[in-house]
Amino acid sequence: QVSLVESGGGLVQTGGSLRLSCAVSGRTISSYAMGWFRRAPGKERSFVVAISWSGASTYYSDHVKGRFTISRDTAKNTVDLQMNDLDPTDTAVYLCAASERAVGGSYYYGEYDYWGQGTQVTVSS
């Protein structure tokens, strides 16, 4: 059974930084494309960033490009999301996801097979 657990969320001021981590158990992350999505209050889940199974390709939403960076550590079996220059529009529950169907990476949440419970990120103005 594959399990994803996010950590690292919290409260930060505008312009601040946070680093989220997604710990994967049950299977190596090299088997999957990994993605981060977010669900803001009153909004649908939206794509943030994805990384391919090999780590060679990354994809960012326009809103976070240049501010967020995804990375992975195959030794620890974790995927991290470094978030810089945060603003209140980044406030959301951030969800980690794994796809074994779209291993090159996908923007579409429907192509992800496993999900974590999420971690809350709140950015105050």
C-alpha atoms as a PDB file:
ATOM      1  CA  GLN A   1       0.000   0.000   0.000  1.00  0.00           C
ATOM      2  CA  VAL A   2       1.365   3.391  -1.016  1.00  0.00           C
ATOM      3  CA  SER A   3       1.111   6.185   1.521  1.00  0.00           C
ATOM      4  CA  LEU A   4       1.885   9.885   1.139  1.00  0.00           C
ATOM      5  CA  VAL A   5       2.260  12.187   4.128  1.00  0.00           C
ATOM      6  CA  GLU A   6       2.801  15.920   3.799  1.00  0.00           C
ATOM      7  CA  SER A   7       4.468  18.134   6.349  1.00  0.00           C
ATOM      8  CA  GLY A   8       5.889  21.619   6.669  1.00  0.00           C
ATOM      9  CA  GLY A   9       2.810  23.779   6.376  1.00  0.00           C
ATOM     10  CA  GLY A  10       2.125  26.696   8.657  1.00  0.00           C
ATOM     11  CA  LEU A  11       1.504  30.405   8.976  1.00  0.00           C
ATOM     12  CA  VAL A  12       3.856  32.847   7.277  1.00  0.00           C
ATOM     13  CA  GLN A  13       3.801  36.518   6.409  1.00  0.00           C
ATOM     14  CA  THR A  14       3.689  37.899   2.881  1.00  0.00           C
ATOM     15  CA  GLY A  15       7.094  37.565   1.282  1.00  0.00           C
ATOM     16  CA  GLY A  16       8.092  34.692   3.521  1.00  0.00           C
ATOM     17  CA  SER A  17       9.104  31.131   2.687  1.00  0.00           C
ATOM     18  CA  LEU A  18       8.058  27.623   3.590  1.00  0.00           C
ATOM     19  CA  ARG A  19       9.326  24.214   2.633  1.00  0.00           C
ATOM     20  CA  LEU A  20       6.831  21.400   2.299  1.00  0.00           C
ATOM     21  CA  SER A  21       7.823  17.770   2.278  1.00  0.00           C
ATOM     22  CA  CYS A  22       5.988  14.676   1.074  1.00  0.00           C
ATOM     23  CA  ALA A  23       7.161  11.371   2.517  1.00  0.00           C
ATOM     24  CA  VAL A  24       6.253   8.358   0.404  1.00  0.00           C
ATOM     25  CA  SER A  25       6.131   4.834   1.755  1.00  0.00           C
ATOM     26  CA  GLY A  26       5.289   1.525   0.140  1.00  0.00           C
ATOM     27  CA  ARG A  27       7.108   2.105  -3.122  1.00  0.00           C
ATOM     28  CA  THR A  28      10.015   4.120  -4.461  1.00  0.00           C
ATOM     29  CA  ILE A  29       9.213   7.573  -5.829  1.00  0.00           C
ATOM     30  CA  SER A  30      11.151   6.633  -8.964  1.00  0.00           C
ATOM     31  CA  SER A  31       8.090   4.602  -9.911  1.00  0.00           C
ATOM     32  CA  TYR A  32       5.924   7.719 -10.169  1.00  0.00           C
ATOM     33  CA  ALA A  33       5.528  11.190 -11.417  1.00  0.00           C
ATOM     34  CA  MET A  34       4.970  13.325  -8.331  1.00  0.00           C
ATOM     35  CA  GLY A  35       2.868  16.419  -8.114  1.00  0.00           C
ATOM     36  CA  TRP A  36       1.710  19.110  -5.759  1.00  0.00           C
ATOM     37  CA  PHE A  37      -1.788  20.515  -5.954  1.00  0.00           C
ATOM     38  CA  ARG A  38      -3.572  22.993  -3.760  1.00  0.00           C
ATOM     39  CA  ARG A  39      -7.111  23.694  -2.679  1.00  0.00           C
ATOM     40  CA  ALA A  40      -7.824  27.260  -1.675  1.00  0.00           C
ATOM     41  CA  PRO A  41     -10.901  28.137   0.395  1.00  0.00           C
ATOM     42  CA  GLY A  42     -14.007  27.984  -1.774  1.00  0.00           C
ATOM     43  CA  LYS A  43     -12.068  26.908  -4.858  1.00  0.00           C
ATOM     44  CA  GLU A  44     -11.412  23.741  -6.780  1.00  0.00           C
ATOM     45  CA  ARG A  45      -8.182  21.818  -6.484  1.00  0.00           C
ATOM     46  CA  SER A  46      -5.550  23.308  -8.778  1.00  0.00           C
ATOM     47  CA  PHE A  47      -2.204  22.208 -10.161  1.00  0.00           C
ATOM     48  CA  VAL A  48       0.957  23.666  -8.654  1.00  0.00           C
ATOM     49  CA  VAL A  49       3.947  21.662  -9.877  1.00  0.00           C
ATOM     50  CA  ALA A  50       4.954  18.192 -11.069  1.00  0.00           C
ATOM     51  CA  ILE A  51       8.156  16.236 -11.543  1.00  0.00           C
ATOM     52  CA  SER A  52       8.602  13.239 -13.819  1.00  0.00           C
ATOM     53  CA  TRP A  53       9.513   9.761 -12.610  1.00  0.00           C
ATOM     54  CA  SER A  54      13.153  10.321 -13.585  1.00  0.00           C
ATOM     55  CA  GLY A  55      13.333  13.782 -12.101  1.00  0.00           C
ATOM     56  CA  ALA A  56      14.474  15.109 -15.464  1.00  0.00           C
ATOM     57  CA  SER A  57      11.355  17.151 -16.196  1.00  0.00           C
ATOM     58  CA  THR A  58       9.423  19.619 -14.098  1.00  0.00           C
ATOM     59  CA  TYR A  59       6.251  21.576 -14.777  1.00  0.00           C
ATOM     60  CA  TYR A  60       5.059  24.659 -12.934  1.00  0.00           C
ATOM     61  CA  SER A  61       1.832  26.581 -12.961  1.00  0.00           C
ATOM     62  CA  ASP A  62       2.245  30.154 -14.152  1.00  0.00           C
ATOM     63  CA  HIS A  63       1.282  31.497 -10.742  1.00  0.00           C
ATOM     64  CA  VAL A  64       4.191  29.841  -8.954  1.00  0.00           C
ATOM     65  CA  LYS A  65       6.856  29.778 -11.635  1.00  0.00           C
ATOM     66  CA  GLY A  66       9.995  31.486 -10.407  1.00  0.00           C
ATOM     67  CA  ARG A  67       8.882  31.326  -6.768  1.00  0.00           C
ATOM     68  CA  PHE A  68       8.380  27.616  -6.073  1.00  0.00           C
ATOM     69  CA  THR A  69      10.833  24.780  -6.669  1.00  0.00           C
ATOM     70  CA  ILE A  70      10.138  21.060  -6.572  1.00  0.00           C
ATOM     71  CA  SER A  71      12.871  18.591  -5.721  1.00  0.00           C
ATOM     72  CA  ARG A  72      13.113  14.981  -4.751  1.00  0.00           C
ATOM     73  CA  ASP A  73      15.408  12.830  -2.661  1.00  0.00           C
ATOM     74  CA  THR A  74      15.344   9.215  -3.790  1.00  0.00           C
ATOM     75  CA  ALA A  75      17.408   8.111  -0.795  1.00  0.00           C
ATOM     76  CA  LYS A  76      14.812   9.480   1.608  1.00  0.00           C
ATOM     77  CA  ASN A  77      11.895   8.786  -0.745  1.00  0.00           C
ATOM     78  CA  THR A  78      10.623  12.313  -0.342  1.00  0.00           C
ATOM     79  CA  VAL A  79       9.508  15.126  -2.593  1.00  0.00           C
ATOM     80  CA  ASP A  80       9.911  18.684  -1.373  1.00  0.00           C
ATOM     81  CA  LEU A  81       8.350  21.962  -2.401  1.00  0.00           C
ATOM     82  CA  GLN A  82      10.334  25.100  -1.617  1.00  0.00           C
ATOM     83  CA  MET A  83       8.011  28.089  -1.654  1.00  0.00           C
ATOM     84  CA  ASN A  84       9.471  31.588  -1.683  1.00  0.00           C
ATOM     85  CA  ASP A  85       7.976  35.064  -1.881  1.00  0.00           C
ATOM     86  CA  LEU A  86       4.628  33.824  -0.661  1.00  0.00           C
ATOM     87  CA  ASP A  87       1.528  35.980  -0.912  1.00  0.00           C
ATOM     88  CA  PRO A  88      -2.005  35.596   0.481  1.00  0.00           C
ATOM     89  CA  THR A  89      -3.250  34.039  -2.769  1.00  0.00           C
ATOM     90  CA  ASP A  90      -1.010  31.060  -1.985  1.00  0.00           C
ATOM     91  CA  THR A  91      -3.115  30.273   1.072  1.00  0.00           C
ATOM     92  CA  ALA A  92      -4.464  26.744   0.608  1.00  0.00           C
ATOM     93  CA  VAL A  93      -4.267  23.147   1.638  1.00  0.00           C
ATOM     94  CA  TYR A  94      -1.338  21.679  -0.294  1.00  0.00           C
ATOM     95  CA  LEU A  95      -1.670  18.091  -1.426  1.00  0.00           C
ATOM     96  CA  CYS A  96       1.023  15.717  -2.601  1.00  0.00           C
ATOM     97  CA  ALA A  97       0.129  13.166  -5.270  1.00  0.00           C
ATOM     98  CA  ALA A  98       1.726  10.268  -7.142  1.00  0.00           C
ATOM     99  CA  SER A  99       0.928   9.072 -10.648  1.00  0.00           C
ATOM    100  CA  GLU A 100       1.836   5.674 -12.037  1.00  0.00           C
ATOM    101  CA  ARG A 101      -0.155   6.304 -15.226  1.00  0.00           C
ATOM    102  CA  ALA A 102       1.399   9.568 -16.332  1.00  0.00           C
ATOM    103  CA  VAL A 103       4.996   9.031 -15.256  1.00  0.00           C
ATOM    104  CA  GLY A 104       6.222  11.897 -17.412  1.00  0.00           C
ATOM    105  CA  GLY A 105       4.224  14.276 -15.251  1.00  0.00           C
ATOM    106  CA  SER A 106       0.726  15.703 -15.563  1.00  0.00           C
ATOM    107  CA  TYR A 107      -1.171  18.894 -14.840  1.00  0.00           C
ATOM    108  CA  TYR A 108      -4.428  16.972 -14.446  1.00  0.00           C
ATOM    109  CA  TYR A 109      -5.399  15.759 -10.993  1.00  0.00           C
ATOM    110  CA  GLY A 110      -7.376  12.870 -12.502  1.00  0.00           C
ATOM    111  CA  GLU A 111      -4.164  11.195 -13.623  1.00  0.00           C
ATOM    112  CA  TYR A 112      -2.828  10.879 -10.095  1.00  0.00           C
ATOM    113  CA  ASP A 113      -3.422   7.628  -8.293  1.00  0.00           C
ATOM    114  CA  TYR A 114      -2.355   8.331  -4.722  1.00  0.00           C
ATOM    115  CA  TRP A 115      -2.883  11.362  -2.533  1.00  0.00           C
ATOM    116  CA  GLY A 116      -1.811  12.633   0.820  1.00  0.00           C
ATOM    117  CA  GLN A 117      -4.133  14.268   3.346  1.00  0.00           C
ATOM    118  CA  GLY A 118      -2.690  17.708   2.795  1.00  0.00           C
ATOM    119  CA  THR A 119      -0.958  20.374   4.818  1.00  0.00           C
ATOM    120  CA  GLN A 120      -2.316  23.873   5.459  1.00  0.00           C
ATOM    121  CA  VAL A 121      -0.377  26.902   4.274  1.00  0.00           C
ATOM    122  CA  THR A 122      -1.627  30.289   5.399  1.00  0.00           C
ATOM    123  CA  VAL A 123      -0.044  33.516   4.226  1.00  0.00           C
ATOM    124  CA  SER A 124      -0.986  36.640   6.136  1.00  0.00           C
ATOM    125  CA  SER A 125      -0.931  40.111   4.598  1.00  0.00           C
END
